[in-house]
């Protein structure tokens, strides 16, 4: 289960062609993605949870038949959006994996936007 605080997400909407999330830069192209002809990828989201503006979603919907799938959705999005002008809002509060110490406490204090892979006990404690 993934828990998302919608109020914190809405505060991140920063106009057209905006992609909000936690990103990694200069990721090297691996064997599975050799069809991408570059040494590194454009910015890629670190977390499976991120926010695309309506304009970006419309771009993907309009061009879906021409877009090539890569090894993951994150990689595909990075490559697909590398061809358009978009604004990256890099925000570490989008990181919510179980590997993060005190993530539930952080979420309650507004330091996290998303919590990923929650078990039943954690959900009840929230």
C-alpha atoms as a PDB file:
ATOM      1  CA  UNK A   1       0.000   0.000   0.000  1.00  0.00           C
ATOM      2  CA  UNK A   2       1.162   3.519  -0.760  1.00  0.00           C
ATOM      3  CA  UNK A   3      -0.086   6.443   1.338  1.00  0.00           C
ATOM      4  CA  UNK A   4      -0.016   9.885  -0.283  1.00  0.00           C
ATOM      5  CA  UNK A   5      -0.827  13.233   1.331  1.00  0.00           C
ATOM      6  CA  UNK A   6      -2.887  14.949  -1.382  1.00  0.00           C
ATOM      7  CA  UNK A   7      -2.638  18.402   0.226  1.00  0.00           C
ATOM      8  CA  UNK A   8       1.151  18.292   0.024  1.00  0.00           C
ATOM      9  CA  UNK A   9       0.938  17.141  -3.586  1.00  0.00           C
ATOM     10  CA  UNK A  10      -1.376  19.957  -4.606  1.00  0.00           C
ATOM     11  CA  UNK A  11       1.020  22.482  -3.099  1.00  0.00           C
ATOM     12  CA  UNK A  12       3.672  21.171  -5.542  1.00  0.00           C
ATOM     13  CA  UNK A  13       1.719  22.009  -8.686  1.00  0.00           C
ATOM     14  CA  UNK A  14       3.870  24.673 -10.286  1.00  0.00           C
ATOM     15  CA  UNK A  15       2.256  25.336 -13.634  1.00  0.00           C
ATOM     16  CA  UNK A  16       2.342  23.689 -17.037  1.00  0.00           C
ATOM     17  CA  UNK A  17       4.900  21.066 -18.098  1.00  0.00           C
ATOM     18  CA  UNK A  18       5.902  20.300 -14.508  1.00  0.00           C
ATOM     19  CA  UNK A  19       7.195  16.956 -13.283  1.00  0.00           C
ATOM     20  CA  UNK A  20       7.432  16.733  -9.503  1.00  0.00           C
ATOM     21  CA  UNK A  21       9.188  13.955  -7.588  1.00  0.00           C
ATOM     22  CA  UNK A  22      12.570  12.833  -6.293  1.00  0.00           C
ATOM     23  CA  UNK A  23      15.031  12.511  -9.190  1.00  0.00           C
ATOM     24  CA  UNK A  24      18.452  11.097  -9.886  1.00  0.00           C
ATOM     25  CA  UNK A  25      20.746  12.676 -12.457  1.00  0.00           C
ATOM     26  CA  UNK A  26      23.361  11.235 -14.818  1.00  0.00           C
ATOM     27  CA  UNK A  27      22.266   7.611 -14.499  1.00  0.00           C
ATOM     28  CA  UNK A  28      24.395   5.453 -16.781  1.00  0.00           C
ATOM     29  CA  UNK A  29      22.609   3.496 -19.491  1.00  0.00           C
ATOM     30  CA  UNK A  30      22.604  -0.223 -18.678  1.00  0.00           C
ATOM     31  CA  UNK A  31      22.583  -3.288 -20.891  1.00  0.00           C
ATOM     32  CA  UNK A  32      18.775  -3.561 -20.858  1.00  0.00           C
ATOM     33  CA  UNK A  33      18.433  -0.092 -22.378  1.00  0.00           C
ATOM     34  CA  UNK A  34      21.109  -0.070 -25.095  1.00  0.00           C
ATOM     35  CA  UNK A  35      18.462   1.122 -27.568  1.00  0.00           C
ATOM     36  CA  UNK A  36      18.833   4.552 -25.901  1.00  0.00           C
ATOM     37  CA  UNK A  37      21.788   6.092 -27.697  1.00  0.00           C
ATOM     38  CA  UNK A  38      23.563   8.039 -24.953  1.00  0.00           C
ATOM     39  CA  UNK A  39      25.993   7.436 -22.098  1.00  0.00           C
ATOM     40  CA  UNK A  40      23.529   8.700 -19.460  1.00  0.00           C
ATOM     41  CA  UNK A  41      19.782   9.146 -19.200  1.00  0.00           C
ATOM     42  CA  UNK A  42      17.909  12.415 -18.712  1.00  0.00           C
ATOM     43  CA  UNK A  43      16.715  12.928 -15.098  1.00  0.00           C
ATOM     44  CA  UNK A  44      14.878   9.842 -13.813  1.00  0.00           C
ATOM     45  CA  UNK A  45      12.481   9.580 -10.875  1.00  0.00           C
ATOM     46  CA  UNK A  46      13.900   7.653  -7.917  1.00  0.00           C
ATOM     47  CA  UNK A  47      10.521   6.734  -6.460  1.00  0.00           C
ATOM     48  CA  UNK A  48       7.592   5.097  -8.252  1.00  0.00           C
ATOM     49  CA  UNK A  49       5.435   7.952  -6.942  1.00  0.00           C
ATOM     50  CA  UNK A  50       5.664  11.302  -8.716  1.00  0.00           C
ATOM     51  CA  UNK A  51       3.362  13.919 -10.229  1.00  0.00           C
ATOM     52  CA  UNK A  52       3.006  14.907 -13.887  1.00  0.00           C
ATOM     53  CA  UNK A  53       1.174  18.050 -14.967  1.00  0.00           C
ATOM     54  CA  UNK A  54      -1.823  17.716 -17.266  1.00  0.00           C
ATOM     55  CA  UNK A  55       0.211  18.962 -20.240  1.00  0.00           C
ATOM     56  CA  UNK A  56       2.810  16.224 -19.807  1.00  0.00           C
ATOM     57  CA  UNK A  57       0.117  13.563 -19.370  1.00  0.00           C
ATOM     58  CA  UNK A  58      -1.536  14.841 -22.558  1.00  0.00           C
ATOM     59  CA  UNK A  59       1.816  14.631 -24.412  1.00  0.00           C
ATOM     60  CA  UNK A  60       2.203  10.977 -23.389  1.00  0.00           C
ATOM     61  CA  UNK A  61      -1.403  10.141 -24.287  1.00  0.00           C
ATOM     62  CA  UNK A  62      -1.121  11.826 -27.687  1.00  0.00           C
ATOM     63  CA  UNK A  63       2.163  10.130 -28.560  1.00  0.00           C
ATOM     64  CA  UNK A  64       1.818   6.734 -26.851  1.00  0.00           C
ATOM     65  CA  UNK A  65       1.966   4.778 -30.137  1.00  0.00           C
ATOM     66  CA  UNK A  66       5.361   6.319 -30.979  1.00  0.00           C
ATOM     67  CA  UNK A  67       6.975   6.039 -27.550  1.00  0.00           C
ATOM     68  CA  UNK A  68       9.421   3.180 -26.983  1.00  0.00           C
ATOM     69  CA  UNK A  69       9.250   1.219 -23.729  1.00  0.00           C
ATOM     70  CA  UNK A  70      12.460   0.885 -21.735  1.00  0.00           C
ATOM     71  CA  UNK A  71      13.425  -1.341 -18.791  1.00  0.00           C
ATOM     72  CA  UNK A  72      11.164   0.475 -16.306  1.00  0.00           C
ATOM     73  CA  UNK A  73       8.410   3.062 -16.238  1.00  0.00           C
ATOM     74  CA  UNK A  74      10.800   5.552 -14.608  1.00  0.00           C
ATOM     75  CA  UNK A  75      13.354   5.079 -17.386  1.00  0.00           C
ATOM     76  CA  UNK A  76      10.685   5.292 -20.068  1.00  0.00           C
ATOM     77  CA  UNK A  77       9.272   8.531 -18.627  1.00  0.00           C
ATOM     78  CA  UNK A  78      12.745  10.067 -18.434  1.00  0.00           C
ATOM     79  CA  UNK A  79      13.486   9.274 -22.074  1.00  0.00           C
ATOM     80  CA  UNK A  80      10.035  10.229 -23.341  1.00  0.00           C
ATOM     81  CA  UNK A  81      10.083  13.581 -21.588  1.00  0.00           C
ATOM     82  CA  UNK A  82      13.666  14.278 -22.619  1.00  0.00           C
ATOM     83  CA  UNK A  83      12.298  15.449 -25.958  1.00  0.00           C
ATOM     84  CA  UNK A  84      10.094  18.234 -24.562  1.00  0.00           C
ATOM     85  CA  UNK A  85      10.657  21.347 -22.460  1.00  0.00           C
ATOM     86  CA  UNK A  86       9.543  20.572 -18.905  1.00  0.00           C
ATOM     87  CA  UNK A  87      10.212  21.890 -15.433  1.00  0.00           C
ATOM     88  CA  UNK A  88      11.656  19.449 -12.889  1.00  0.00           C
ATOM     89  CA  UNK A  89      10.681  19.974  -9.260  1.00  0.00           C
ATOM     90  CA  UNK A  90      13.129  17.763  -7.363  1.00  0.00           C
ATOM     91  CA  UNK A  91      11.758  17.175  -3.867  1.00  0.00           C
ATOM     92  CA  UNK A  92      13.168  14.492  -1.529  1.00  0.00           C
ATOM     93  CA  UNK A  93       9.875  14.417   0.405  1.00  0.00           C
ATOM     94  CA  UNK A  94       8.689  12.072  -2.386  1.00  0.00           C
ATOM     95  CA  UNK A  95      11.026   9.368  -1.073  1.00  0.00           C
ATOM     96  CA  UNK A  96       8.975   7.097   1.163  1.00  0.00           C
ATOM     97  CA  UNK A  97      10.522   3.661   0.989  1.00  0.00           C
ATOM     98  CA  UNK A  98      10.743   1.392   4.038  1.00  0.00           C
ATOM     99  CA  UNK A  99      14.529   1.887   4.013  1.00  0.00           C
ATOM    100  CA  UNK A 100      14.087   5.434   5.349  1.00  0.00           C
ATOM    101  CA  UNK A 101      14.425   5.587   9.134  1.00  0.00           C
ATOM    102  CA  UNK A 102      11.556   7.404  10.913  1.00  0.00           C
ATOM    103  CA  UNK A 103       9.608   7.799   7.648  1.00  0.00           C
ATOM    104  CA  UNK A 104       6.192   7.589   9.354  1.00  0.00           C
ATOM    105  CA  UNK A 105       7.200  10.207  11.936  1.00  0.00           C
ATOM    106  CA  UNK A 106       8.560  12.364   9.084  1.00  0.00           C
ATOM    107  CA  UNK A 107       5.292  11.956   7.161  1.00  0.00           C
ATOM    108  CA  UNK A 108       3.250  13.047  10.171  1.00  0.00           C
ATOM    109  CA  UNK A 109       5.486  16.117  10.527  1.00  0.00           C
ATOM    110  CA  UNK A 110       5.130  17.044   6.847  1.00  0.00           C
ATOM    111  CA  UNK A 111       8.662  16.016   5.908  1.00  0.00           C
ATOM    112  CA  UNK A 112       7.431  13.282   3.508  1.00  0.00           C
ATOM    113  CA  UNK A 113       4.740  13.400   0.840  1.00  0.00           C
ATOM    114  CA  UNK A 114       4.436   9.655   0.298  1.00  0.00           C
ATOM    115  CA  UNK A 115       4.867   6.420   2.254  1.00  0.00           C
ATOM    116  CA  UNK A 116       5.404   3.230   0.250  1.00  0.00           C
ATOM    117  CA  UNK A 117       4.991  -0.478   1.082  1.00  0.00           C
ATOM    118  CA  UNK A 118       3.103  -0.074   4.357  1.00  0.00           C
ATOM    119  CA  UNK A 119       1.985  -3.153   6.280  1.00  0.00           C
ATOM    120  CA  UNK A 120      -1.316  -3.395   8.205  1.00  0.00           C
ATOM    121  CA  UNK A 121       0.207  -2.495  11.584  1.00  0.00           C
ATOM    122  CA  UNK A 122       1.872   0.633  10.182  1.00  0.00           C
ATOM    123  CA  UNK A 123      -1.411   1.719   8.575  1.00  0.00           C
ATOM    124  CA  UNK A 124      -3.270   1.311  11.875  1.00  0.00           C
ATOM    125  CA  UNK A 125      -0.638   3.405  13.683  1.00  0.00           C
ATOM    126  CA  UNK A 126      -1.034   6.271  11.248  1.00  0.00           C
END
